[in-house]
Structure formats: C-alpha cells, structure tokens
Amino acid sequence: MGLHFGNLAKVRHVITYSISPFEQKAFANYFSKGVPNLWRRFRSSVFKIAPPLALTYLTYTWGNHVHEECKKKNPADFENDD
C-alpha cells in the first residue's frame, strides 16, 4: 500500500482548520469566564449528585457499624461456661 498509518484513506471535500499551539493562549478568559462557568455548572448539578452520594455514604457507614456490632461476642452467651 505504501501509505503511513493515519493516511490510509483519502477523504475528499473535507476542510480542516487548525491553529498553531504557539499562537494559542492557554489560559485565555480563565478567570473572567472559566470560574463563573464552573460555579454555574456546579450549582446546576449539585442537587442531582449530592443526595445519592450522601445516601450511599450513610448506607456504607451504617453497614460497617452493624458489621462491627455483629462481630462482637455476647458475654451473656458464655456465663455458664467453665
């Protein structure tokens, strides 16, 4: 075939544009738009995520507590042993 990986097929009528990494600004509008957007996205999803997460945490801690209680020996079961 003679073609390198990534150039195995010829795609026609597709135009791609790119910008050099040296021309980009890595943190453009980070504080002016990024932080408010992060806060908006957090507020919109916190009530969807937090209740199941809290319920899962409470169930897990309750299950561990019950497991630890069940592992303990009851002294009343061994009063008459010699």
PDB file of N, CA and C in Angstrom:
ATOM      1  N   MET A   1       0.822  -1.190   0.000  1.00  0.00           N
ATOM      2  CA  MET A   1       0.000   0.000   0.000  1.00  0.00           C
ATOM      3  C   MET A   1       0.865   1.252   0.000  1.00  0.00           C
ATOM      4  N   GLY A   2       1.921   1.260   0.762  1.00  0.00           N
ATOM      5  CA  GLY A   2       2.830   2.381   0.719  1.00  0.00           C
ATOM      6  C   GLY A   2       2.390   3.607   1.502  1.00  0.00           C
ATOM      7  N   LEU A   3       1.239   3.551   2.190  1.00  0.00           N
ATOM      8  CA  LEU A   3       0.766   4.700   2.956  1.00  0.00           C
ATOM      9  C   LEU A   3       1.079   4.499   4.431  1.00  0.00           C
ATOM     10  N   HIS A   4       1.297   5.589   5.135  1.00  0.00           N
ATOM     11  CA  HIS A   4       1.581   5.531   6.563  1.00  0.00           C
ATOM     12  C   HIS A   4       0.278   5.491   7.351  1.00  0.00           C
ATOM     13  N   PHE A   5       0.373   5.000   8.574  1.00  0.00           N
ATOM     14  CA  PHE A   5      -0.810   4.938   9.419  1.00  0.00           C
ATOM     15  C   PHE A   5      -1.325   6.353   9.666  1.00  0.00           C
ATOM     16  N   GLY A   6      -2.611   6.541   9.493  1.00  0.00           N
ATOM     17  CA  GLY A   6      -3.208   7.861   9.604  1.00  0.00           C
ATOM     18  C   GLY A   6      -3.482   8.465   8.243  1.00  0.00           C
ATOM     19  N   ASN A   7      -2.838   7.957   7.210  1.00  0.00           N
ATOM     20  CA  ASN A   7      -3.053   8.412   5.837  1.00  0.00           C
ATOM     21  C   ASN A   7      -3.495   7.247   4.959  1.00  0.00           C
ATOM     22  N   LEU A   8      -4.242   6.314   5.519  1.00  0.00           N
ATOM     23  CA  LEU A   8      -4.611   5.121   4.776  1.00  0.00           C
ATOM     24  C   LEU A   8      -5.753   5.364   3.802  1.00  0.00           C
ATOM     25  N   ALA A   9      -6.545   6.383   4.023  1.00  0.00           N
ATOM     26  CA  ALA A   9      -7.670   6.656   3.138  1.00  0.00           C
ATOM     27  C   ALA A   9      -7.612   8.105   2.702  1.00  0.00           C
ATOM     28  N   LYS A  10      -8.031   8.343   1.496  1.00  0.00           N
ATOM     29  CA  LYS A  10      -8.116   9.717   1.011  1.00  0.00           C
ATOM     30  C   LYS A  10      -9.540  10.198   1.199  1.00  0.00           C
ATOM     31  N   VAL A  11      -9.705  11.277   1.966  1.00  0.00           N
ATOM     32  CA  VAL A  11     -11.007  11.864   2.214  1.00  0.00           C
ATOM     33  C   VAL A  11     -11.087  13.135   1.397  1.00  0.00           C
ATOM     34  N   ARG A  12     -12.100  13.219   0.566  1.00  0.00           N
ATOM     35  CA  ARG A  12     -12.224  14.379  -0.303  1.00  0.00           C
ATOM     36  C   ARG A  12     -13.318  15.298   0.208  1.00  0.00           C
ATOM     37  N   HIS A  13     -13.191  16.583  -0.093  1.00  0.00           N
ATOM     38  CA  HIS A  13     -14.192  17.598   0.210  1.00  0.00           C
ATOM     39  C   HIS A  13     -14.383  17.822   1.709  1.00  0.00           C
ATOM     40  N   VAL A  14     -13.376  17.561   2.498  1.00  0.00           N
ATOM     41  CA  VAL A  14     -13.411  17.845   3.923  1.00  0.00           C
ATOM     42  C   VAL A  14     -12.298  18.840   4.214  1.00  0.00           C
ATOM     43  N   ILE A  15     -12.660  19.962   4.797  1.00  0.00           N
ATOM     44  CA  ILE A  15     -11.690  21.003   5.091  1.00  0.00           C
ATOM     45  C   ILE A  15     -11.503  21.061   6.604  1.00  0.00           C
ATOM     46  N   THR A  16     -10.275  21.024   7.035  1.00  0.00           N
ATOM     47  CA  THR A  16      -9.977  21.143   8.459  1.00  0.00           C
ATOM     48  C   THR A  16      -9.130  22.382   8.682  1.00  0.00           C
ATOM     49  N   TYR A  17      -9.364  23.033   9.785  1.00  0.00           N
ATOM     50  CA  TYR A  17      -8.619  24.224  10.159  1.00  0.00           C
ATOM     51  C   TYR A  17      -7.954  23.966  11.496  1.00  0.00           C
ATOM     52  N   SER A  18      -6.787  24.506  11.669  1.00  0.00           N
ATOM     53  CA  SER A  18      -6.100  24.382  12.951  1.00  0.00           C
ATOM     54  C   SER A  18      -5.267  25.633  13.175  1.00  0.00           C
ATOM     55  N   ILE A  19      -4.913  25.821  14.419  1.00  0.00           N
ATOM     56  CA  ILE A  19      -4.079  26.955  14.794  1.00  0.00           C
ATOM     57  C   ILE A  19      -2.836  26.395  15.477  1.00  0.00           C
ATOM     58  N   SER A  20      -1.760  27.040  15.271  1.00  0.00           N
ATOM     59  CA  SER A  20      -0.508  26.601  15.857  1.00  0.00           C
ATOM     60  C   SER A  20      -0.594  26.682  17.385  1.00  0.00           C
ATOM     61  N   PRO A  21      -0.015  25.711  18.082  1.00  0.00           N
ATOM     62  CA  PRO A  21      -0.009  25.775  19.543  1.00  0.00           C
ATOM     63  C   PRO A  21       0.729  27.006  20.066  1.00  0.00           C
ATOM     64  N   PHE A  22       1.604  27.560  19.274  1.00  0.00           N
ATOM     65  CA  PHE A  22       2.355  28.737  19.707  1.00  0.00           C
ATOM     66  C   PHE A  22       1.517  30.013  19.591  1.00  0.00           C
ATOM     67  N   GLU A  23       0.416  29.949  18.847  1.00  0.00           N
ATOM     68  CA  GLU A  23      -0.447  31.113  18.684  1.00  0.00           C
ATOM     69  C   GLU A  23      -1.615  31.095  19.664  1.00  0.00           C
ATOM     70  N   GLN A  24      -1.795  30.012  20.380  1.00  0.00           N
ATOM     71  CA  GLN A  24      -2.920  29.901  21.295  1.00  0.00           C
ATOM     72  C   GLN A  24      -2.559  30.507  22.639  1.00  0.00           C
ATOM     73  N   LYS A  25      -3.578  30.960  23.345  1.00  0.00           N
ATOM     74  CA  LYS A  25      -3.419  31.402  24.726  1.00  0.00           C
ATOM     75  C   LYS A  25      -3.983  30.300  25.617  1.00  0.00           C
ATOM     76  N   ALA A  26      -3.139  29.725  26.434  1.00  0.00           N
ATOM     77  CA  ALA A  26      -3.541  28.569  27.223  1.00  0.00           C
ATOM     78  C   ALA A  26      -4.621  28.909  28.243  1.00  0.00           C
ATOM     79  N   PHE A  27      -4.542  30.074  28.861  1.00  0.00           N
ATOM     80  CA  PHE A  27      -5.498  30.443  29.898  1.00  0.00           C
ATOM     81  C   PHE A  27      -6.264  31.698  29.510  1.00  0.00           C
ATOM     82  N   ALA A  28      -6.689  31.766  28.254  1.00  0.00           N
ATOM     83  CA  ALA A  28      -7.457  32.927  27.800  1.00  0.00           C
ATOM     84  C   ALA A  28      -8.827  32.925  28.477  1.00  0.00           C
ATOM     85  N   ASN A  29      -9.217  34.042  29.076  1.00  0.00           N
ATOM     86  CA  ASN A  29     -10.509  34.216  29.760  1.00  0.00           C
ATOM     87  C   ASN A  29     -10.733  33.193  30.876  1.00  0.00           C
ATOM     88  N   TYR A  30      -9.667  32.740  31.491  1.00  0.00           N
ATOM     89  CA  TYR A  30      -9.796  31.717  32.530  1.00  0.00           C
ATOM     90  C   TYR A  30     -10.563  32.245  33.740  1.00  0.00           C
ATOM     91  N   PHE A  31     -10.174  33.411  34.245  1.00  0.00           N
ATOM     92  CA  PHE A  31     -10.820  33.934  35.446  1.00  0.00           C
ATOM     93  C   PHE A  31     -12.118  34.664  35.129  1.00  0.00           C
ATOM     94  N   SER A  32     -12.215  35.296  33.978  1.00  0.00           N
ATOM     95  CA  SER A  32     -13.415  36.078  33.679  1.00  0.00           C
ATOM     96  C   SER A  32     -14.581  35.204  33.229  1.00  0.00           C
ATOM     97  N   LYS A  33     -14.305  34.105  32.535  1.00  0.00           N
ATOM     98  CA  LYS A  33     -15.387  33.248  32.056  1.00  0.00           C
ATOM     99  C   LYS A  33     -15.330  31.839  32.628  1.00  0.00           C
ATOM    100  N   GLY A  34     -14.137  31.344  32.913  1.00  0.00           N
ATOM    101  CA  GLY A  34     -13.988  29.963  33.360  1.00  0.00           C
ATOM    102  C   GLY A  34     -14.511  29.718  34.760  1.00  0.00           C
ATOM    103  N   VAL A  35     -14.147  30.562  35.703  1.00  0.00           N
ATOM    104  CA  VAL A  35     -14.574  30.371  37.092  1.00  0.00           C
ATOM    105  C   VAL A  35     -16.089  30.565  37.240  1.00  0.00           C
ATOM    106  N   PRO A  36     -16.697  31.609  36.650  1.00  0.00           N
ATOM    107  CA  PRO A  36     -18.156  31.711  36.739  1.00  0.00           C
ATOM    108  C   PRO A  36     -18.873  30.536  36.072  1.00  0.00           C
ATOM    109  N   ASN A  37     -18.329  30.043  34.977  1.00  0.00           N
ATOM    110  CA  ASN A  37     -18.929  28.886  34.320  1.00  0.00           C
ATOM    111  C   ASN A  37     -18.818  27.651  35.197  1.00  0.00           C
ATOM    112  N   LEU A  38     -17.696  27.483  35.867  1.00  0.00           N
ATOM    113  CA  LEU A  38     -17.522  26.362  36.786  1.00  0.00           C
ATOM    114  C   LEU A  38     -18.547  26.438  37.915  1.00  0.00           C
ATOM    115  N   TRP A  39     -18.737  27.626  38.474  1.00  0.00           N
ATOM    116  CA  TRP A  39     -19.705  27.805  39.552  1.00  0.00           C
ATOM    117  C   TRP A  39     -21.126  27.527  39.074  1.00  0.00           C
ATOM    118  N   ARG A  40     -21.472  27.988  37.867  1.00  0.00           N
ATOM    119  CA  ARG A  40     -22.811  27.754  37.315  1.00  0.00           C
ATOM    120  C   ARG A  40     -23.043  26.263  37.096  1.00  0.00           C
ATOM    121  N   ARG A  41     -22.060  25.560  36.575  1.00  0.00           N
ATOM    122  CA  ARG A  41     -22.205  24.125  36.333  1.00  0.00           C
ATOM    123  C   ARG A  41     -22.285  23.353  37.644  1.00  0.00           C
ATOM    124  N   PHE A  42     -21.542  23.799  38.653  1.00  0.00           N
ATOM    125  CA  PHE A  42     -21.599  23.155  39.963  1.00  0.00           C
ATOM    126  C   PHE A  42     -22.981  23.321  40.583  1.00  0.00           C
ATOM    127  N   ARG A  43     -23.529  24.549  40.541  1.00  0.00           N
ATOM    128  CA  ARG A  43     -24.849  24.799  41.126  1.00  0.00           C
ATOM    129  C   ARG A  43     -25.949  24.011  40.411  1.00  0.00           C
ATOM    130  N   SER A  44     -25.810  23.839  39.101  1.00  0.00           N
ATOM    131  CA  SER A  44     -26.858  23.151  38.358  1.00  0.00           C
ATOM    132  C   SER A  44     -26.849  21.645  38.604  1.00  0.00           C
ATOM    133  N   SER A  45     -25.720  21.085  39.008  1.00  0.00           N
ATOM    134  CA  SER A  45     -25.666  19.633  39.160  1.00  0.00           C
ATOM    135  C   SER A  45     -25.495  19.160  40.599  1.00  0.00           C
ATOM    136  N   VAL A  46     -25.288  20.054  41.559  1.00  0.00           N
ATOM    137  CA  VAL A  46     -25.023  19.614  42.921  1.00  0.00           C
ATOM    138  C   VAL A  46     -26.243  18.910  43.532  1.00  0.00           C
ATOM    139  N   PHE A  47     -27.446  19.338  43.201  1.00  0.00           N
ATOM    140  CA  PHE A  47     -28.624  18.702  43.783  1.00  0.00           C
ATOM    141  C   PHE A  47     -28.975  17.396  43.088  1.00  0.00           C
ATOM    142  N   LYS A  48     -28.344  17.114  41.971  1.00  0.00           N
ATOM    143  CA  LYS A  48     -28.506  15.813  41.322  1.00  0.00           C
ATOM    144  C   LYS A  48     -27.499  14.803  41.852  1.00  0.00           C
ATOM    145  N   ILE A  49     -26.329  15.276  42.242  1.00  0.00           N
ATOM    146  CA  ILE A  49     -25.244  14.390  42.640  1.00  0.00           C
ATOM    147  C   ILE A  49     -25.175  14.190  44.151  1.00  0.00           C
ATOM    148  N   ALA A  50     -25.382  15.245  44.916  1.00  0.00           N
ATOM    149  CA  ALA A  50     -25.167  15.184  46.364  1.00  0.00           C
ATOM    150  C   ALA A  50     -26.118  14.232  47.097  1.00  0.00           C
ATOM    151  N   PRO A  51     -27.447  14.222  46.835  1.00  0.00           N
ATOM    152  CA  PRO A  51     -28.306  13.307  47.592  1.00  0.00           C
ATOM    153  C   PRO A  51     -27.960  11.824  47.419  1.00  0.00           C
ATOM    154  N   PRO A  52     -27.751  11.315  46.190  1.00  0.00           N
ATOM    155  CA  PRO A  52     -27.350   9.909  46.099  1.00  0.00           C
ATOM    156  C   PRO A  52     -25.998   9.637  46.743  1.00  0.00           C
ATOM    157  N   LEU A  53     -25.080  10.608  46.638  1.00  0.00           N
ATOM    158  CA  LEU A  53     -23.777  10.420  47.252  1.00  0.00           C
ATOM    159  C   LEU A  53     -23.890  10.368  48.771  1.00  0.00           C
ATOM    160  N   ALA A  54     -24.695  11.258  49.347  1.00  0.00           N
ATOM    161  CA  ALA A  54     -24.894  11.254  50.798  1.00  0.00           C
ATOM    162  C   ALA A  54     -25.596   9.981  51.258  1.00  0.00           C
ATOM    163  N   LEU A  55     -26.600   9.546  50.516  1.00  0.00           N
ATOM    164  CA  LEU A  55     -27.312   8.307  50.855  1.00  0.00           C
ATOM    165  C   LEU A  55     -26.372   7.103  50.798  1.00  0.00           C
ATOM    166  N   THR A  56     -25.531   7.067  49.794  1.00  0.00           N
ATOM    167  CA  THR A  56     -24.563   5.972  49.675  1.00  0.00           C
ATOM    168  C   THR A  56     -23.580   5.985  50.834  1.00  0.00           C
ATOM    169  N   TYR A  57     -23.105   7.166  51.209  1.00  0.00           N
ATOM    170  CA  TYR A  57     -22.161   7.276  52.328  1.00  0.00           C
ATOM    171  C   TYR A  57     -22.814   6.827  53.636  1.00  0.00           C
ATOM    172  N   LEU A  58     -24.052   7.287  53.878  1.00  0.00           N
ATOM    173  CA  LEU A  58     -24.739   6.907  55.112  1.00  0.00           C
ATOM    174  C   LEU A  58     -25.017   5.411  55.155  1.00  0.00           C
ATOM    175  N   THR A  59     -25.402   4.822  54.041  1.00  0.00           N
ATOM    176  CA  THR A  59     -25.643   3.380  53.988  1.00  0.00           C
ATOM    177  C   THR A  59     -24.353   2.609  54.248  1.00  0.00           C
ATOM    178  N   TYR A  60     -23.255   3.078  53.675  1.00  0.00           N
ATOM    179  CA  TYR A  60     -21.964   2.415  53.860  1.00  0.00           C
ATOM    180  C   TYR A  60     -21.519   2.474  55.321  1.00  0.00           C
ATOM    181  N   THR A  61     -21.624   3.639  55.950  1.00  0.00           N
ATOM    182  CA  THR A  61     -21.196   3.750  57.343  1.00  0.00           C
ATOM    183  C   THR A  61     -22.121   2.962  58.267  1.00  0.00           C
ATOM    184  N   TRP A  62     -23.418   2.968  57.976  1.00  0.00           N
ATOM    185  CA  TRP A  62     -24.349   2.170  58.784  1.00  0.00           C
ATOM    186  C   TRP A  62     -24.020   0.683  58.650  1.00  0.00           C
ATOM    187  N   GLY A  63     -23.746   0.226  57.433  1.00  0.00           N
ATOM    188  CA  GLY A  63     -23.405  -1.182  57.216  1.00  0.00           C
ATOM    189  C   GLY A  63     -22.129  -1.577  57.931  1.00  0.00           C
ATOM    190  N   ASN A  64     -21.124  -0.725  57.921  1.00  0.00           N
ATOM    191  CA  ASN A  64     -19.888  -1.023  58.653  1.00  0.00           C
ATOM    192  C   ASN A  64     -20.130  -1.071  60.151  1.00  0.00           C
ATOM    193  N   HIS A  65     -20.968  -0.158  60.660  1.00  0.00           N
ATOM    194  CA  HIS A  65     -21.276  -0.148  62.088  1.00  0.00           C
ATOM    195  C   HIS A  65     -21.994  -1.442  62.491  1.00  0.00           C
ATOM    196  N   VAL A  66     -22.981  -1.860  61.714  1.00  0.00           N
ATOM    197  CA  VAL A  66     -23.716  -3.096  62.014  1.00  0.00           C
ATOM    198  C   VAL A  66     -22.790  -4.301  61.925  1.00  0.00           C
ATOM    199  N   HIS A  67     -21.884  -4.303  60.958  1.00  0.00           N
ATOM    200  CA  HIS A  67     -20.946  -5.417  60.819  1.00  0.00           C
ATOM    201  C   HIS A  67     -20.031  -5.512  62.034  1.00  0.00           C
ATOM    202  N   GLU A  68     -19.523  -4.381  62.501  1.00  0.00           N
ATOM    203  CA  GLU A  68     -18.659  -4.385  63.684  1.00  0.00           C
ATOM    204  C   GLU A  68     -19.428  -4.842  64.920  1.00  0.00           C
ATOM    205  N   GLU A  69     -20.691  -4.450  65.044  1.00  0.00           N
ATOM    206  CA  GLU A  69     -21.502  -4.876  66.193  1.00  0.00           C
ATOM    207  C   GLU A  69     -21.769  -6.378  66.148  1.00  0.00           C
ATOM    208  N   CYS A  70     -21.963  -6.921  64.953  1.00  0.00           N
ATOM    209  CA  CYS A  70     -22.239  -8.355  64.829  1.00  0.00           C
ATOM    210  C   CYS A  70     -21.002  -9.203  65.102  1.00  0.00           C
ATOM    211  N   LYS A  71     -19.816  -8.651  64.944  1.00  0.00           N
ATOM    212  CA  LYS A  71     -18.591  -9.408  65.189  1.00  0.00           C
ATOM    213  C   LYS A  71     -18.297  -9.558  66.675  1.00  0.00           C
ATOM    214  N   LYS A  72     -18.893  -8.705  67.519  1.00  0.00           N
ATOM    215  CA  LYS A  72     -18.622  -8.766  68.954  1.00  0.00           C
ATOM    216  C   LYS A  72     -19.328  -9.973  69.573  1.00  0.00           C
ATOM    217  N   LYS A  73     -18.687 -10.559  70.566  1.00  0.00           N
ATOM    218  CA  LYS A  73     -19.288 -11.675  71.285  1.00  0.00           C
ATOM    219  C   LYS A  73     -20.226 -11.140  72.360  1.00  0.00           C
ATOM    220  N   ASN A  74     -21.305 -11.865  72.585  1.00  0.00           N
ATOM    221  CA  ASN A  74     -22.247 -11.515  73.632  1.00  0.00           C
ATOM    222  C   ASN A  74     -21.809 -12.216  74.922  1.00  0.00           C
ATOM    223  N   PRO A  75     -21.448 -11.485  75.967  1.00  0.00           N
ATOM    224  CA  PRO A  75     -20.974 -12.123  77.215  1.00  0.00           C
ATOM    225  C   PRO A  75     -22.058 -12.984  77.868  1.00  0.00           C
ATOM    226  N   ALA A  76     -23.310 -12.688  77.646  1.00  0.00           N
ATOM    227  CA  ALA A  76     -24.384 -13.487  78.259  1.00  0.00           C
ATOM    228  C   ALA A  76     -24.394 -14.902  77.716  1.00  0.00           C
ATOM    229  N   ASP A  77     -23.888 -15.136  76.522  1.00  0.00           N
ATOM    230  CA  ASP A  77     -23.853 -16.486  75.952  1.00  0.00           C
ATOM    231  C   ASP A  77     -22.831 -17.384  76.640  1.00  0.00           C
ATOM    232  N   PHE A  78     -21.881 -16.798  77.379  1.00  0.00           N
ATOM    233  CA  PHE A  78     -20.777 -17.576  77.950  1.00  0.00           C
ATOM    234  C   PHE A  78     -20.749 -17.540  79.464  1.00  0.00           C
ATOM    235  N   GLU A  79     -21.865 -17.179  80.136  1.00  0.00           N
ATOM    236  CA  GLU A  79     -21.860 -17.077  81.603  1.00  0.00           C
ATOM    237  C   GLU A  79     -21.691 -18.429  82.292  1.00  0.00           C
ATOM    238  N   ASN A  80     -22.259 -19.475  81.726  1.00  0.00           N
ATOM    239  CA  ASN A  80     -22.251 -20.777  82.408  1.00  0.00           C
ATOM    240  C   ASN A  80     -21.107 -21.677  81.967  1.00  0.00           C
ATOM    241  N   ASP A  81     -20.187 -21.179  81.179  1.00  0.00           N
ATOM    242  CA  ASP A  81     -19.062 -21.981  80.749  1.00  0.00           C
ATOM    243  C   ASP A  81     -18.028 -22.057  81.868  1.00  0.00           C
ATOM    244  N   ASP A  82     -17.343 -23.182  81.918  1.00  0.00           N
ATOM    245  CA  ASP A  82     -16.299 -23.345  82.935  1.00  0.00           C
ATOM    246  C   ASP A  82     -14.931 -23.168  82.362  1.00  0.00           C
TER     247      ASP A  82
END
